[in-house]
Amino acid sequence: MNQKPHPFVTPPSVLAQITQLPSLDMAAIKALWKRLYGGDTPTHNRQFLERRIAYRLQEIEFRKVDRNLMDRNDRRIKTIIETGQNKKRDRDHRPVAGTILTREYKGVTHRVIVTPDGQYDFQGRMYPSLSMIAREITGTRWSGPLFFGLKAPAMPKTKATKGARP
């Protein structure tokens, strides 16, 4: 049975193109820019050009529709039409498949990859939630989206002083 790869997994051809960018000469970089953007390069800064080309290659590959995003947008539009108000966003903080979340904790950098099936790959093991990974890293219960910076804290921390009155 032939399975079609999930559209949010970077195909080897795109990864190969991106990893070969540093080895290309400047003429090849400029030609690739012209093919992808349809014009001359805006600068001669190689690092700038390589980053923008890498972004464009991924943008072309991942241009496909994200069904979850479309469903969330449909729900929000219906709510706005029904109530006339744009309420807070859904509490779905799940990033797009292929996203790499990075968090430094106690001097160690931890990386988590969002998989197409909605799980998270951390150190070669699959987890159903970011909170489980945050607990694995810290040893205490954490909100995964908060730990990885996908969600802002509910209340900013305030400095309490002794004997202060409310």
N, C-alpha and C. Protein backbone atom coordinates (compact mmCIF):
# COMPACT_ATOMS: atom_id res chain seq x y z
N MET A 1 0.84 -1.17 0.00
CA MET A 1 0.00 0.00 0.00
C MET A 1 0.89 1.24 0.00
N ASN A 2 0.72 2.11 -0.98
CA ASN A 2 1.52 3.32 -1.10
C ASN A 2 0.90 4.43 -0.29
N GLN A 3 1.64 4.97 0.67
CA GLN A 3 1.14 6.07 1.48
C GLN A 3 1.76 7.36 0.99
N LYS A 4 0.93 8.39 0.87
CA LYS A 4 1.41 9.70 0.48
C LYS A 4 1.98 10.38 1.73
N PRO A 5 3.19 10.97 1.63
CA PRO A 5 3.75 11.62 2.82
C PRO A 5 2.91 12.81 3.24
N HIS A 6 2.89 13.07 4.54
CA HIS A 6 2.13 14.21 5.07
C HIS A 6 2.69 15.50 4.50
N PRO A 7 1.84 16.45 4.11
CA PRO A 7 2.32 17.67 3.45
C PRO A 7 3.18 18.58 4.31
N PHE A 8 3.22 18.39 5.63
CA PHE A 8 4.00 19.29 6.46
C PHE A 8 5.34 18.70 6.85
N VAL A 9 5.72 17.57 6.29
CA VAL A 9 7.03 17.01 6.53
C VAL A 9 7.93 17.51 5.41
N THR A 10 9.03 18.13 5.77
CA THR A 10 9.92 18.68 4.75
C THR A 10 10.48 17.53 3.91
N PRO A 11 10.21 17.55 2.61
CA PRO A 11 10.72 16.48 1.76
C PRO A 11 12.25 16.57 1.64
N PRO A 12 12.89 15.44 1.41
CA PRO A 12 14.35 15.44 1.31
C PRO A 12 14.88 16.42 0.27
N SER A 13 14.14 16.63 -0.81
CA SER A 13 14.63 17.52 -1.85
C SER A 13 14.77 18.96 -1.35
N VAL A 14 13.82 19.41 -0.52
CA VAL A 14 13.89 20.78 0.01
C VAL A 14 15.03 20.87 1.02
N LEU A 15 15.15 19.87 1.89
CA LEU A 15 16.24 19.87 2.85
C LEU A 15 17.59 19.86 2.13
N ALA A 16 17.69 19.05 1.08
CA ALA A 16 18.94 18.98 0.33
C ALA A 16 19.27 20.33 -0.30
N GLN A 17 18.26 20.99 -0.85
CA GLN A 17 18.50 22.29 -1.46
C GLN A 17 18.97 23.31 -0.42
N ILE A 18 18.36 23.29 0.73
CA ILE A 18 18.73 24.26 1.77
C ILE A 18 20.14 23.98 2.29
N THR A 19 20.47 22.72 2.51
CA THR A 19 21.80 22.39 3.04
C THR A 19 22.90 22.65 2.01
N GLN A 20 22.57 22.68 0.74
CA GLN A 20 23.58 22.94 -0.30
C GLN A 20 23.81 24.43 -0.53
N LEU A 21 22.96 25.29 0.00
CA LEU A 21 23.10 26.73 -0.24
C LEU A 21 24.50 27.27 0.11
N PRO A 22 25.08 26.93 1.26
CA PRO A 22 26.40 27.48 1.59
C PRO A 22 27.51 27.06 0.61
N SER A 23 27.32 25.93 -0.07
CA SER A 23 28.37 25.47 -0.99
C SER A 23 28.23 26.05 -2.40
N LEU A 24 27.12 26.72 -2.68
CA LEU A 24 26.93 27.32 -4.01
C LEU A 24 27.76 28.58 -4.15
N ASP A 25 28.22 28.84 -5.37
CA ASP A 25 28.93 30.10 -5.59
C ASP A 25 27.90 31.23 -5.72
N MET A 26 28.36 32.46 -5.66
CA MET A 26 27.45 33.61 -5.63
C MET A 26 26.62 33.70 -6.91
N ALA A 27 27.18 33.31 -8.05
CA ALA A 27 26.42 33.35 -9.30
C ALA A 27 25.22 32.39 -9.23
N ALA A 28 25.43 31.22 -8.64
CA ALA A 28 24.34 30.25 -8.50
C ALA A 28 23.29 30.76 -7.51
N ILE A 29 23.73 31.41 -6.45
CA ILE A 29 22.80 31.99 -5.47
C ILE A 29 21.92 33.03 -6.16
N LYS A 30 22.54 33.90 -6.97
CA LYS A 30 21.79 34.94 -7.67
C LYS A 30 20.82 34.34 -8.68
N ALA A 31 21.23 33.28 -9.36
CA ALA A 31 20.35 32.62 -10.33
C ALA A 31 19.16 31.98 -9.62
N LEU A 32 19.41 31.35 -8.48
CA LEU A 32 18.33 30.73 -7.71
C LEU A 32 17.37 31.79 -7.19
N TRP A 33 17.91 32.92 -6.73
CA TRP A 33 17.07 34.03 -6.28
C TRP A 33 16.16 34.48 -7.42
N LYS A 34 16.74 34.65 -8.60
CA LYS A 34 15.97 35.13 -9.75
C LYS A 34 14.84 34.14 -10.09
N ARG A 35 15.15 32.84 -10.00
CA ARG A 35 14.13 31.81 -10.30
C ARG A 35 13.02 31.84 -9.25
N LEU A 36 13.37 32.02 -7.96
CA LEU A 36 12.37 31.97 -6.89
C LEU A 36 11.59 33.28 -6.72
N TYR A 37 12.26 34.40 -6.91
CA TYR A 37 11.63 35.69 -6.66
C TYR A 37 11.33 36.50 -7.93
N GLY A 38 11.89 36.07 -9.06
CA GLY A 38 11.57 36.74 -10.32
C GLY A 38 12.26 38.07 -10.53
N GLY A 39 13.33 38.33 -9.83
CA GLY A 39 14.04 39.59 -10.01
C GLY A 39 15.46 39.49 -9.52
N ASP A 40 16.19 40.59 -9.64
CA ASP A 40 17.57 40.61 -9.18
C ASP A 40 17.62 40.64 -7.65
N THR A 41 18.76 40.21 -7.11
CA THR A 41 18.93 40.20 -5.65
C THR A 41 18.94 41.64 -5.13
N PRO A 42 18.31 41.87 -3.97
CA PRO A 42 18.26 43.22 -3.42
C PRO A 42 19.56 43.65 -2.74
N THR A 43 20.44 42.69 -2.49
CA THR A 43 21.69 42.97 -1.77
C THR A 43 22.73 41.94 -2.19
N HIS A 44 23.96 42.20 -1.80
CA HIS A 44 25.04 41.22 -2.07
C HIS A 44 25.42 40.48 -0.79
N ASN A 45 24.66 40.68 0.26
CA ASN A 45 24.91 40.02 1.53
C ASN A 45 24.49 38.56 1.41
N ARG A 46 25.48 37.69 1.37
CA ARG A 46 25.24 36.26 1.12
C ARG A 46 24.35 35.63 2.20
N GLN A 47 24.61 35.95 3.47
CA GLN A 47 23.83 35.38 4.56
C GLN A 47 22.35 35.76 4.41
N PHE A 48 22.08 37.01 4.08
CA PHE A 48 20.70 37.46 3.86
C PHE A 48 20.06 36.66 2.74
N LEU A 49 20.77 36.53 1.62
CA LEU A 49 20.22 35.83 0.46
C LEU A 49 19.95 34.36 0.77
N GLU A 50 20.89 33.69 1.44
CA GLU A 50 20.71 32.28 1.77
C GLU A 50 19.49 32.07 2.66
N ARG A 51 19.34 32.93 3.65
CA ARG A 51 18.20 32.79 4.57
C ARG A 51 16.87 33.00 3.85
N ARG A 52 16.82 34.02 3.00
CA ARG A 52 15.57 34.29 2.28
C ARG A 52 15.26 33.19 1.26
N ILE A 53 16.28 32.66 0.63
CA ILE A 53 16.06 31.55 -0.31
C ILE A 53 15.56 30.32 0.44
N ALA A 54 16.17 30.01 1.58
CA ALA A 54 15.73 28.86 2.39
C ALA A 54 14.28 29.04 2.82
N TYR A 55 13.94 30.24 3.24
CA TYR A 55 12.56 30.54 3.64
C TYR A 55 11.61 30.33 2.47
N ARG A 56 11.99 30.86 1.31
CA ARG A 56 11.13 30.77 0.12
C ARG A 56 10.93 29.32 -0.31
N LEU A 57 11.99 28.51 -0.26
CA LEU A 57 11.86 27.09 -0.63
C LEU A 57 10.86 26.39 0.29
N GLN A 58 10.93 26.69 1.59
CA GLN A 58 9.98 26.08 2.53
C GLN A 58 8.58 26.64 2.33
N GLU A 59 8.49 27.93 2.05
CA GLU A 59 7.20 28.56 1.82
C GLU A 59 6.49 27.91 0.62
N ILE A 60 7.21 27.66 -0.41
CA ILE A 60 6.64 27.01 -1.60
C ILE A 60 6.18 25.60 -1.25
N GLU A 61 7.00 24.88 -0.51
CA GLU A 61 6.67 23.49 -0.16
C GLU A 61 5.49 23.40 0.79
N PHE A 62 5.41 24.32 1.77
CA PHE A 62 4.38 24.23 2.80
C PHE A 62 3.18 25.11 2.51
N ARG A 63 3.00 25.51 1.30
CA ARG A 63 1.89 26.39 0.92
C ARG A 63 0.54 25.67 1.02
N LYS A 64 0.57 24.40 1.23
CA LYS A 64 -0.66 23.62 1.29
C LYS A 64 -1.53 24.04 2.47
N VAL A 65 -2.79 23.71 2.40
CA VAL A 65 -3.77 24.13 3.41
C VAL A 65 -3.63 23.30 4.69
N ASP A 66 -3.65 23.99 5.83
CA ASP A 66 -3.66 23.34 7.14
C ASP A 66 -5.12 23.24 7.56
N ARG A 67 -5.65 22.04 7.57
CA ARG A 67 -7.07 21.82 7.87
C ARG A 67 -7.46 22.34 9.25
N ASN A 68 -6.60 22.12 10.26
CA ASN A 68 -6.92 22.59 11.62
C ASN A 68 -7.04 24.11 11.66
N LEU A 69 -6.15 24.79 10.98
CA LEU A 69 -6.19 26.25 10.94
C LEU A 69 -7.47 26.72 10.26
N MET A 70 -7.85 26.07 9.18
CA MET A 70 -9.07 26.44 8.47
C MET A 70 -10.30 26.23 9.36
N ASP A 71 -10.35 25.12 10.10
CA ASP A 71 -11.47 24.85 10.99
C ASP A 71 -11.56 25.90 12.11
N ARG A 72 -10.42 26.25 12.70
CA ARG A 72 -10.41 27.28 13.75
C ARG A 72 -10.90 28.61 13.20
N ASN A 73 -10.42 28.97 12.01
CA ASN A 73 -10.85 30.23 11.41
C ASN A 73 -12.35 30.23 11.12
N ASP A 74 -12.89 29.11 10.63
CA ASP A 74 -14.33 29.00 10.38
C ASP A 74 -15.12 29.22 11.67
N ARG A 75 -14.67 28.59 12.77
CA ARG A 75 -15.36 28.76 14.06
C ARG A 75 -15.32 30.22 14.51
N ARG A 76 -14.19 30.86 14.37
CA ARG A 76 -14.07 32.27 14.78
C ARG A 76 -14.96 33.16 13.94
N ILE A 77 -15.01 32.91 12.64
CA ILE A 77 -15.84 33.73 11.76
C ILE A 77 -17.31 33.57 12.13
N LYS A 78 -17.76 32.34 12.39
CA LYS A 78 -19.15 32.10 12.78
C LYS A 78 -19.47 32.81 14.10
N THR A 79 -18.55 32.78 15.04
CA THR A 79 -18.76 33.45 16.33
C THR A 79 -18.89 34.96 16.13
N ILE A 80 -18.06 35.53 15.30
CA ILE A 80 -18.12 36.97 15.04
C ILE A 80 -19.45 37.34 14.38
N ILE A 81 -19.89 36.53 13.43
CA ILE A 81 -21.16 36.80 12.74
C ILE A 81 -22.33 36.69 13.72
N GLU A 82 -22.32 35.66 14.57
CA GLU A 82 -23.42 35.44 15.50
C GLU A 82 -23.47 36.49 16.62
N THR A 83 -22.32 36.84 17.19
CA THR A 83 -22.31 37.72 18.35
C THR A 83 -21.92 39.16 18.02
N GLY A 84 -21.29 39.35 16.88
CA GLY A 84 -20.80 40.68 16.53
C GLY A 84 -19.54 41.06 17.28
N GLN A 85 -18.96 40.11 17.99
CA GLN A 85 -17.74 40.38 18.75
C GLN A 85 -16.67 39.36 18.40
N ASN A 86 -15.44 39.85 18.41
CA ASN A 86 -14.31 38.96 18.18
C ASN A 86 -13.75 38.57 19.54
N LYS A 87 -14.13 37.39 20.01
CA LYS A 87 -13.69 36.95 21.33
C LYS A 87 -12.25 36.47 21.27
N LYS A 88 -11.75 36.11 22.43
CA LYS A 88 -10.39 35.61 22.52
C LYS A 88 -10.21 34.42 21.59
N ARG A 89 -8.98 34.26 21.15
CA ARG A 89 -8.66 33.12 20.29
C ARG A 89 -8.90 31.82 21.02
N ASP A 90 -9.12 30.77 20.24
CA ASP A 90 -9.24 29.45 20.83
C ASP A 90 -7.98 29.14 21.63
N ARG A 91 -8.12 28.28 22.60
CA ARG A 91 -6.98 27.93 23.44
C ARG A 91 -6.09 26.88 22.78
N ASP A 92 -6.22 26.71 21.49
CA ASP A 92 -5.39 25.75 20.78
C ASP A 92 -4.06 26.41 20.45
N HIS A 93 -3.02 25.99 21.16
CA HIS A 93 -1.70 26.57 20.96
C HIS A 93 -0.81 25.65 20.14
N ARG A 94 -1.40 24.67 19.50
CA ARG A 94 -0.62 23.67 18.79
C ARG A 94 0.03 24.30 17.55
N PRO A 95 1.35 24.28 17.48
CA PRO A 95 2.04 24.84 16.31
C PRO A 95 1.93 23.91 15.10
N VAL A 96 2.27 24.42 13.96
CA VAL A 96 2.21 23.68 12.70
C VAL A 96 3.22 22.54 12.72
N ALA A 97 2.86 21.43 12.09
CA ALA A 97 3.76 20.29 12.01
C ALA A 97 5.08 20.71 11.37
N GLY A 98 6.16 20.18 11.92
CA GLY A 98 7.49 20.52 11.44
C GLY A 98 8.15 21.62 12.25
N THR A 99 7.38 22.30 13.10
CA THR A 99 7.93 23.37 13.93
C THR A 99 8.88 22.76 14.96
N ILE A 100 10.00 23.44 15.18
CA ILE A 100 10.95 23.01 16.20
C ILE A 100 10.87 24.02 17.34
N LEU A 101 10.47 23.54 18.50
CA LEU A 101 10.39 24.38 19.70
C LEU A 101 11.68 24.21 20.48
N THR A 102 12.27 25.32 20.89
CA THR A 102 13.53 25.28 21.62
C THR A 102 13.36 26.00 22.94
N ARG A 103 13.88 25.41 24.00
CA ARG A 103 13.82 26.03 25.32
C ARG A 103 15.10 25.69 26.06
N GLU A 104 15.73 26.72 26.59
CA GLU A 104 16.89 26.49 27.43
C GLU A 104 16.43 26.45 28.88
N TYR A 105 16.84 25.41 29.58
CA TYR A 105 16.45 25.25 30.98
C TYR A 105 17.66 24.76 31.75
N LYS A 106 18.07 25.52 32.75
CA LYS A 106 19.22 25.20 33.59
C LYS A 106 20.47 24.92 32.75
N GLY A 107 20.68 25.75 31.74
CA GLY A 107 21.89 25.65 30.93
C GLY A 107 21.86 24.58 29.85
N VAL A 108 20.76 23.86 29.73
CA VAL A 108 20.64 22.81 28.71
C VAL A 108 19.57 23.23 27.71
N THR A 109 19.90 23.13 26.43
CA THR A 109 18.94 23.47 25.39
C THR A 109 18.14 22.22 25.02
N HIS A 110 16.83 22.35 25.07
CA HIS A 110 15.93 21.23 24.75
C HIS A 110 15.18 21.57 23.46
N ARG A 111 15.08 20.60 22.55
CA ARG A 111 14.38 20.80 21.29
C ARG A 111 13.25 19.77 21.15
N VAL A 112 12.11 20.28 20.71
CA VAL A 112 10.93 19.44 20.49
C VAL A 112 10.45 19.67 19.07
N ILE A 113 10.14 18.60 18.35
CA ILE A 113 9.65 18.71 16.98
C ILE A 113 8.18 18.34 16.95
N VAL A 114 7.36 19.20 16.35
CA VAL A 114 5.93 18.93 16.21
C VAL A 114 5.76 17.99 15.02
N THR A 115 5.08 16.87 15.24
CA THR A 115 4.92 15.88 14.18
C THR A 115 3.59 16.07 13.46
N PRO A 116 3.47 15.55 12.25
CA PRO A 116 2.23 15.70 11.48
C PRO A 116 1.01 15.09 12.14
N ASP A 117 1.21 14.07 12.98
CA ASP A 117 0.06 13.42 13.62
C ASP A 117 -0.37 14.12 14.91
N GLY A 118 0.21 15.31 15.19
CA GLY A 118 -0.22 16.10 16.34
C GLY A 118 0.52 15.77 17.62
N GLN A 119 1.54 14.93 17.54
CA GLN A 119 2.32 14.61 18.73
C GLN A 119 3.61 15.41 18.71
N TYR A 120 4.45 15.18 19.72
CA TYR A 120 5.70 15.91 19.86
C TYR A 120 6.84 14.92 20.04
N ASP A 121 7.90 15.11 19.27
CA ASP A 121 9.08 14.27 19.34
C ASP A 121 10.11 14.97 20.22
N PHE A 122 10.43 14.35 21.36
CA PHE A 122 11.43 14.88 22.27
C PHE A 122 12.42 13.78 22.59
N GLN A 123 13.66 13.99 22.21
CA GLN A 123 14.74 13.03 22.43
C GLN A 123 14.40 11.64 21.90
N GLY A 124 13.77 11.61 20.73
CA GLY A 124 13.46 10.34 20.08
C GLY A 124 12.22 9.63 20.59
N ARG A 125 11.54 10.21 21.58
CA ARG A 125 10.31 9.61 22.09
C ARG A 125 9.14 10.52 21.76
N MET A 126 7.98 9.91 21.54
CA MET A 126 6.78 10.67 21.18
C MET A 126 5.96 10.97 22.43
N TYR A 127 5.46 12.21 22.50
CA TYR A 127 4.63 12.65 23.62
C TYR A 127 3.35 13.25 23.05
N PRO A 128 2.19 13.03 23.72
CA PRO A 128 0.94 13.61 23.23
C PRO A 128 0.76 15.08 23.61
N SER A 129 1.56 15.58 24.58
CA SER A 129 1.38 16.97 25.00
C SER A 129 2.72 17.61 25.36
N LEU A 130 2.76 18.92 25.22
CA LEU A 130 3.95 19.68 25.62
C LEU A 130 4.11 19.69 27.13
N SER A 131 2.99 19.61 27.84
CA SER A 131 3.06 19.62 29.30
C SER A 131 3.81 18.40 29.84
N MET A 132 3.63 17.27 29.19
CA MET A 132 4.36 16.06 29.61
C MET A 132 5.86 16.25 29.40
N ILE A 133 6.24 16.91 28.32
CA ILE A 133 7.65 17.16 28.04
C ILE A 133 8.21 18.16 29.05
N ALA A 134 7.45 19.21 29.35
CA ALA A 134 7.90 20.20 30.33
C ALA A 134 8.12 19.55 31.68
N ARG A 135 7.24 18.62 32.05
CA ARG A 135 7.38 17.92 33.32
C ARG A 135 8.62 17.02 33.29
N GLU A 136 8.86 16.38 32.15
CA GLU A 136 10.04 15.52 31.98
C GLU A 136 11.32 16.35 32.16
N ILE A 137 11.32 17.55 31.63
CA ILE A 137 12.51 18.41 31.69
C ILE A 137 12.72 18.98 33.09
N THR A 138 11.64 19.48 33.71
CA THR A 138 11.77 20.21 34.97
C THR A 138 11.57 19.36 36.22
N GLY A 139 10.83 18.27 36.07
CA GLY A 139 10.52 17.44 37.24
C GLY A 139 9.31 17.95 37.99
N THR A 140 8.68 19.03 37.51
CA THR A 140 7.47 19.57 38.15
C THR A 140 6.42 19.81 37.08
N ARG A 141 5.18 19.99 37.53
CA ARG A 141 4.09 20.24 36.57
C ARG A 141 4.21 21.65 35.99
N TRP A 142 4.09 21.72 34.68
CA TRP A 142 4.14 22.99 33.96
C TRP A 142 3.08 22.98 32.89
N SER A 143 2.63 24.16 32.49
CA SER A 143 1.83 24.28 31.28
C SER A 143 2.83 24.20 30.13
N GLY A 144 2.67 23.22 29.27
CA GLY A 144 3.60 23.06 28.15
C GLY A 144 3.66 24.28 27.24
N PRO A 145 2.50 24.81 26.79
CA PRO A 145 2.54 26.00 25.95
C PRO A 145 3.21 27.19 26.64
N LEU A 146 3.03 27.31 27.95
CA LEU A 146 3.68 28.39 28.70
C LEU A 146 5.19 28.14 28.79
N PHE A 147 5.59 26.92 29.09
CA PHE A 147 7.00 26.57 29.23
C PHE A 147 7.76 26.83 27.93
N PHE A 148 7.15 26.50 26.79
CA PHE A 148 7.83 26.67 25.50
C PHE A 148 7.55 28.02 24.85
N GLY A 149 6.86 28.92 25.56
CA GLY A 149 6.67 30.27 25.07
C GLY A 149 5.58 30.43 24.02
N LEU A 150 4.68 29.48 23.91
CA LEU A 150 3.58 29.58 22.95
C LEU A 150 2.41 30.38 23.53
N LYS A 151 2.44 30.59 24.83
CA LYS A 151 1.36 31.28 25.52
C LYS A 151 1.99 32.19 26.56
N ALA A 152 1.44 33.38 26.70
CA ALA A 152 1.95 34.33 27.69
C ALA A 152 1.39 33.98 29.06
N PRO A 153 2.12 34.32 30.12
CA PRO A 153 1.58 34.07 31.47
C PRO A 153 0.27 34.84 31.66
N ALA A 154 -0.64 34.27 32.42
CA ALA A 154 -1.95 34.89 32.64
C ALA A 154 -1.82 36.22 33.37
N MET A 155 -1.02 36.26 34.39
CA MET A 155 -0.84 37.48 35.18
C MET A 155 0.65 37.79 35.23
N PRO A 156 1.04 39.00 34.88
CA PRO A 156 2.45 39.33 35.01
C PRO A 156 2.86 39.34 36.48
N LYS A 157 4.07 38.88 36.74
CA LYS A 157 4.54 38.82 38.12
C LYS A 157 4.75 40.23 38.64
N THR A 158 4.26 40.48 39.86
CA THR A 158 4.45 41.78 40.47
C THR A 158 5.31 41.61 41.71
N LYS A 159 6.06 42.62 42.02
CA LYS A 159 6.93 42.54 43.18
C LYS A 159 6.13 42.95 44.42
N ALA A 160 5.98 42.03 45.33
CA ALA A 160 5.24 42.31 46.56
C ALA A 160 6.20 42.84 47.61
N THR A 161 5.75 43.81 48.34
CA THR A 161 6.58 44.37 49.41
C THR A 161 5.94 44.07 50.75
N LYS A 162 6.76 43.91 51.75
CA LYS A 162 6.25 43.60 53.09
C LYS A 162 5.43 44.77 53.62
N GLY A 163 4.29 44.46 54.17
CA GLY A 163 3.46 45.47 54.79
C GLY A 163 2.73 46.37 53.82
N ALA A 164 2.80 46.07 52.53
CA ALA A 164 2.11 46.92 51.55
C ALA A 164 0.62 46.69 51.64
N ARG A 165 -0.13 47.74 51.43
CA ARG A 165 -1.59 47.64 51.45
C ARG A 165 -2.09 47.56 50.01
N PRO A 166 -3.17 46.82 49.83
CA PRO A 166 -3.72 46.70 48.47
C PRO A 166 -4.31 47.97 47.96
